[in-house]
């Protein structure tokens, strides 16, 4: 009888813990849903559209002839196919590195200066708006990153190696948090990014507006913060390793619906 009572108590405790975990996750989801109607990302989107069409830089030109992969000036549907290989640069580029190319060639900005400018400063503020608007133009579409070019395949493999690479004082890797299902940090569920993470959960949600900091974060900034949490040195902005990680996660997210720019805590 005592053994049965003990088992019943353990079962009740387990049920209680699971209920609390579910409640926390549901609470966060409800919080996001309440804020989604007035997502401040919309303000960044409006700024980004203006920046795309406005003549700026030493050449006094707009970005309306920028080729994001679907032809000069075509924005809709481009985001869900990035990163991809571009023949004019001979490189695989994500959205931000491609924008750097266009801002330099079309408008005359110095891409290296922008790349070394801290987040939230100078032309990095322009990047926040541009990435918000461009991603919003593909909202609701499904990710379908190309893998036909040999360099796209190479970048996928490099991104995979970077994702599982363990180092630093805590022996962390990207996979430490995002390599298995069912993991969480504090009250937040951690998406598994080694396979399709589901609609808008992982890769498909960035760029996103961070409520906790009141800032728009691009994928490049998200990866930068991941490296910080692993106690790694910061990667270079639009560097080969961050682009390769984008290819790896993006290909794994094939079929997931883009909800970017999303809302994050």
Protein backbone atom coordinates (compact mmCIF):
# COMPACT_ATOMS: atom_id res chain seq x y z
CA UNK A 1 0.00 0.00 0.00
CA UNK A 2 2.82 2.39 0.91
CA UNK A 3 4.53 1.70 -2.41
CA UNK A 4 1.33 2.48 -4.32
CA UNK A 5 0.89 5.75 -2.42
CA UNK A 6 4.48 6.73 -3.20
CA UNK A 7 3.97 6.06 -6.90
CA UNK A 8 0.78 8.12 -6.89
CA UNK A 9 2.58 11.02 -5.22
CA UNK A 10 5.40 10.88 -7.78
CA UNK A 11 2.90 10.77 -10.62
CA UNK A 12 1.06 13.78 -9.20
CA UNK A 13 4.30 15.73 -8.82
CA UNK A 14 5.35 14.91 -12.38
CA UNK A 15 1.96 16.02 -13.69
CA UNK A 16 2.26 19.25 -11.70
CA UNK A 17 5.73 20.01 -13.09
CA UNK A 18 4.59 19.33 -16.66
CA UNK A 19 1.55 21.53 -16.14
CA UNK A 20 3.75 24.36 -14.85
CA UNK A 21 6.10 24.03 -17.85
CA UNK A 22 3.20 24.04 -20.26
CA UNK A 23 1.68 27.00 -18.50
CA UNK A 24 4.93 28.97 -18.77
CA UNK A 25 5.27 28.22 -22.48
CA UNK A 26 1.62 29.00 -23.11
CA UNK A 27 1.95 32.21 -21.14
CA UNK A 28 4.84 33.41 -23.31
CA UNK A 29 2.90 32.51 -26.46
CA UNK A 30 -0.12 34.47 -25.23
CA UNK A 31 2.13 37.43 -24.35
CA UNK A 32 3.58 37.47 -27.85
CA UNK A 33 0.13 37.16 -29.40
CA UNK A 34 -1.11 40.16 -27.40
CA UNK A 35 1.80 42.29 -28.59
CA UNK A 36 1.80 41.07 -32.18
CA UNK A 37 -1.05 43.35 -33.26
CA UNK A 38 1.11 46.36 -32.51
CA UNK A 39 4.55 44.97 -33.37
CA UNK A 40 6.97 47.93 -33.35
CA UNK A 41 8.76 46.23 -36.24
CA UNK A 42 6.22 47.96 -38.47
CA UNK A 43 7.97 51.27 -37.78
CA UNK A 44 11.27 49.79 -38.94
CA UNK A 45 9.57 48.37 -42.02
CA UNK A 46 8.31 51.82 -43.00
CA UNK A 47 11.78 53.28 -42.54
CA UNK A 48 13.30 50.47 -44.58
CA UNK A 49 10.98 50.99 -47.54
CA UNK A 50 11.84 54.69 -47.53
CA UNK A 51 15.57 53.90 -47.42
CA UNK A 52 15.22 51.48 -50.34
CA UNK A 53 13.64 54.13 -52.55
CA UNK A 54 15.54 57.19 -51.33
CA UNK A 55 18.57 58.53 -53.21
CA UNK A 56 21.50 58.51 -50.79
CA UNK A 57 25.26 58.11 -50.51
CA UNK A 58 28.15 59.60 -52.51
CA UNK A 59 26.47 58.52 -55.78
CA UNK A 60 23.07 59.94 -54.75
CA UNK A 61 21.28 56.78 -55.84
CA UNK A 62 18.55 54.54 -54.48
CA UNK A 63 18.67 50.78 -53.94
CA UNK A 64 15.84 50.12 -56.38
CA UNK A 65 18.19 48.35 -58.81
CA UNK A 66 19.69 46.12 -56.12
CA UNK A 67 19.54 42.45 -57.12
CA UNK A 68 18.66 40.31 -54.11
CA UNK A 69 18.62 37.16 -56.20
CA UNK A 70 15.42 37.46 -58.20
CA UNK A 71 16.47 40.27 -60.51
CA UNK A 72 17.20 44.01 -60.11
CA UNK A 73 14.67 45.67 -57.85
CA UNK A 74 12.65 42.52 -57.09
CA UNK A 75 12.09 42.28 -53.33
CA UNK A 76 9.06 40.05 -52.84
CA UNK A 77 10.11 36.45 -52.34
CA UNK A 78 13.83 37.24 -52.20
CA UNK A 79 14.23 36.91 -48.42
CA UNK A 80 13.08 33.28 -48.26
CA UNK A 81 15.79 32.27 -50.76
CA UNK A 82 18.72 33.83 -48.89
CA UNK A 83 21.61 33.12 -48.36
CA UNK A 84 22.41 32.16 -51.95
CA UNK A 85 25.24 32.35 -54.49
CA UNK A 86 25.59 35.54 -56.55
CA UNK A 87 27.54 35.45 -59.82
CA UNK A 88 28.53 39.13 -59.74
CA UNK A 89 30.45 38.77 -56.48
CA UNK A 90 31.30 35.09 -56.84
CA UNK A 91 30.14 34.56 -53.26
CA UNK A 92 27.33 33.09 -51.22
CA UNK A 93 25.67 36.06 -49.51
CA UNK A 94 22.95 36.55 -46.94
CA UNK A 95 20.62 39.55 -46.90
CA UNK A 96 22.95 41.87 -45.02
CA UNK A 97 26.11 41.06 -46.95
CA UNK A 98 24.15 41.47 -50.18
CA UNK A 99 22.88 44.87 -49.03
CA UNK A 100 26.47 45.88 -48.29
CA UNK A 101 27.36 45.04 -51.89
CA UNK A 102 24.45 47.09 -53.25
CA UNK A 103 25.09 50.04 -50.96
CA UNK A 104 28.71 50.13 -52.10
CA UNK A 105 28.23 49.58 -55.84
CA UNK A 106 25.00 51.55 -56.32
CA UNK A 107 25.25 54.26 -53.67
CA UNK A 108 28.97 54.59 -53.10
CA UNK A 109 29.04 53.75 -49.40
CA UNK A 110 32.12 52.02 -47.97
CA UNK A 111 31.00 48.49 -47.12
CA UNK A 112 33.96 47.94 -44.77
CA UNK A 113 33.06 51.02 -42.73
CA UNK A 114 29.44 49.85 -42.37
CA UNK A 115 30.58 46.33 -41.44
CA UNK A 116 32.74 47.66 -38.60
CA UNK A 117 30.14 50.11 -37.30
CA UNK A 118 28.56 48.98 -33.99
CA UNK A 119 24.96 47.78 -34.05
CA UNK A 120 22.51 50.63 -33.57
CA UNK A 121 24.93 53.25 -34.91
CA UNK A 122 25.37 55.02 -38.27
CA UNK A 123 24.42 52.98 -41.33
CA UNK A 124 23.75 49.96 -39.11
CA UNK A 125 20.51 51.78 -38.22
CA UNK A 126 19.71 51.81 -41.93
CA UNK A 127 20.40 48.08 -42.05
CA UNK A 128 17.82 47.51 -39.31
CA UNK A 129 15.12 49.18 -41.37
CA UNK A 130 16.11 47.62 -44.69
CA UNK A 131 16.22 44.07 -43.35
CA UNK A 132 12.89 44.58 -41.56
CA UNK A 133 11.13 45.78 -44.73
CA UNK A 134 12.71 43.27 -47.11
CA UNK A 135 11.89 40.34 -44.81
CA UNK A 136 8.32 41.63 -44.35
CA UNK A 137 7.83 41.58 -48.12
CA UNK A 138 8.19 37.78 -47.98
CA UNK A 139 6.12 37.22 -44.83
CA UNK A 140 3.95 34.14 -45.15
CA UNK A 141 6.13 32.59 -47.87
CA UNK A 142 7.99 29.33 -47.37
CA UNK A 143 11.77 29.12 -47.11
CA UNK A 144 13.37 27.49 -50.11
CA UNK A 145 17.10 28.19 -50.14
CA UNK A 146 18.82 27.05 -53.34
CA UNK A 147 21.49 24.36 -53.18
CA UNK A 148 22.23 23.95 -56.87
CA UNK A 149 25.56 25.79 -56.92
CA UNK A 150 28.62 23.99 -55.56
CA UNK A 151 29.46 26.91 -53.25
CA UNK A 152 25.98 26.78 -51.71
CA UNK A 153 26.60 23.13 -50.87
CA UNK A 154 30.06 23.94 -49.48
CA UNK A 155 28.57 26.68 -47.30
CA UNK A 156 25.98 24.27 -45.95
CA UNK A 157 28.72 21.87 -44.85
CA UNK A 158 30.80 24.71 -43.38
CA UNK A 159 27.76 25.98 -41.51
CA UNK A 160 27.09 22.50 -40.16
CA UNK A 161 30.66 22.24 -38.86
CA UNK A 162 30.42 25.70 -37.27
CA UNK A 163 27.08 24.78 -35.68
CA UNK A 164 28.54 21.73 -33.94
CA UNK A 165 31.98 23.20 -33.18
CA UNK A 166 32.61 23.15 -29.42
CA UNK A 167 35.11 25.50 -27.79
CA UNK A 168 35.50 28.33 -25.31
CA UNK A 169 35.60 28.24 -21.50
CA UNK A 170 32.28 26.35 -21.30
CA UNK A 171 32.91 24.02 -24.25
CA UNK A 172 29.74 25.31 -25.92
CA UNK A 173 28.53 25.10 -29.50
CA UNK A 174 25.37 26.28 -31.25
CA UNK A 175 24.16 22.69 -30.88
CA UNK A 176 24.47 22.93 -27.09
CA UNK A 177 21.24 24.93 -27.09
CA UNK A 178 19.72 24.13 -30.47
CA UNK A 179 20.77 20.58 -31.25
CA UNK A 180 17.97 18.67 -29.53
CA UNK A 181 14.23 19.01 -29.12
CA UNK A 182 12.66 19.87 -25.77
CA UNK A 183 15.39 22.16 -24.44
CA UNK A 184 14.66 25.44 -22.72
CA UNK A 185 16.48 28.33 -21.08
CA UNK A 186 14.69 30.05 -18.23
CA UNK A 187 11.05 30.15 -19.45
CA UNK A 188 11.85 30.00 -23.14
CA UNK A 189 11.72 26.94 -25.35
CA UNK A 190 14.77 26.51 -27.57
CA UNK A 191 14.05 25.45 -31.16
CA UNK A 192 15.96 22.54 -32.61
CA UNK A 193 17.78 23.93 -35.65
CA UNK A 194 19.35 20.76 -37.01
CA UNK A 195 16.11 20.01 -38.86
CA UNK A 196 13.01 21.93 -39.82
CA UNK A 197 12.30 24.03 -36.72
CA UNK A 198 8.65 24.70 -37.48
CA UNK A 199 6.91 27.83 -38.68
CA UNK A 200 8.36 31.00 -37.20
CA UNK A 201 10.13 29.32 -34.31
CA UNK A 202 13.78 29.54 -35.23
CA UNK A 203 15.47 30.72 -38.40
CA UNK A 204 12.13 31.77 -39.92
CA UNK A 205 11.54 34.44 -37.25
CA UNK A 206 14.58 36.67 -37.74
CA UNK A 207 14.97 39.63 -38.04
CA UNK A 208 12.82 40.35 -35.00
CA UNK A 209 11.91 43.14 -32.62
CA UNK A 210 13.33 42.48 -29.15
CA UNK A 211 10.88 43.70 -26.53
CA UNK A 212 13.44 43.41 -23.73
CA UNK A 213 15.83 45.86 -25.39
CA UNK A 214 13.45 47.83 -27.61
CA UNK A 215 15.61 47.12 -30.67
CA UNK A 216 15.34 45.46 -34.06
CA UNK A 217 17.73 42.54 -34.31
CA UNK A 218 18.83 41.08 -37.63
CA UNK A 219 20.09 37.53 -38.04
CA UNK A 220 23.65 38.86 -37.99
CA UNK A 221 23.03 40.50 -34.61
CA UNK A 222 21.31 37.38 -33.30
CA UNK A 223 24.32 35.26 -34.22
CA UNK A 224 26.64 37.85 -32.69
CA UNK A 225 24.81 37.49 -29.37
CA UNK A 226 24.90 33.70 -29.59
CA UNK A 227 28.67 33.86 -29.87
CA UNK A 228 28.73 36.18 -26.86
CA UNK A 229 26.75 33.68 -24.80
CA UNK A 230 29.17 30.93 -25.81
CA UNK A 231 32.02 33.22 -24.66
CA UNK A 232 33.47 33.13 -28.18
CA UNK A 233 35.08 36.17 -29.82
CA UNK A 234 32.55 38.18 -31.80
CA UNK A 235 32.40 37.15 -35.46
CA UNK A 236 32.94 39.78 -38.13
CA UNK A 237 29.77 41.37 -39.45
CA UNK A 238 28.61 39.50 -42.57
CA UNK A 239 31.62 37.19 -42.19
CA UNK A 240 31.99 33.82 -43.91
CA UNK A 241 31.11 31.88 -40.77
CA UNK A 242 27.87 33.76 -40.07
CA UNK A 243 26.78 33.40 -43.70
CA UNK A 244 27.58 29.68 -43.63
CA UNK A 245 25.53 29.28 -40.45
CA UNK A 246 22.68 31.08 -42.20
CA UNK A 247 22.89 28.62 -45.10
CA UNK A 248 22.88 25.63 -42.74
CA UNK A 249 19.91 26.84 -40.70
CA UNK A 250 18.06 28.16 -43.75
CA UNK A 251 18.31 24.93 -45.70
CA UNK A 252 17.19 23.03 -42.60
CA UNK A 253 14.20 25.40 -42.38
CA UNK A 254 13.03 24.62 -45.92
CA UNK A 255 9.24 24.71 -46.02
CA UNK A 256 8.91 26.75 -42.85
CA UNK A 257 6.75 29.85 -43.14
CA UNK A 258 8.57 33.15 -42.69
CA UNK A 259 7.04 35.31 -39.95
CA UNK A 260 9.86 37.86 -39.99
CA UNK A 261 10.13 40.44 -38.70
CA UNK A 262 8.80 38.64 -35.65
CA UNK A 263 8.44 39.64 -32.02
CA UNK A 264 10.83 38.23 -29.42
CA UNK A 265 11.14 38.73 -25.71
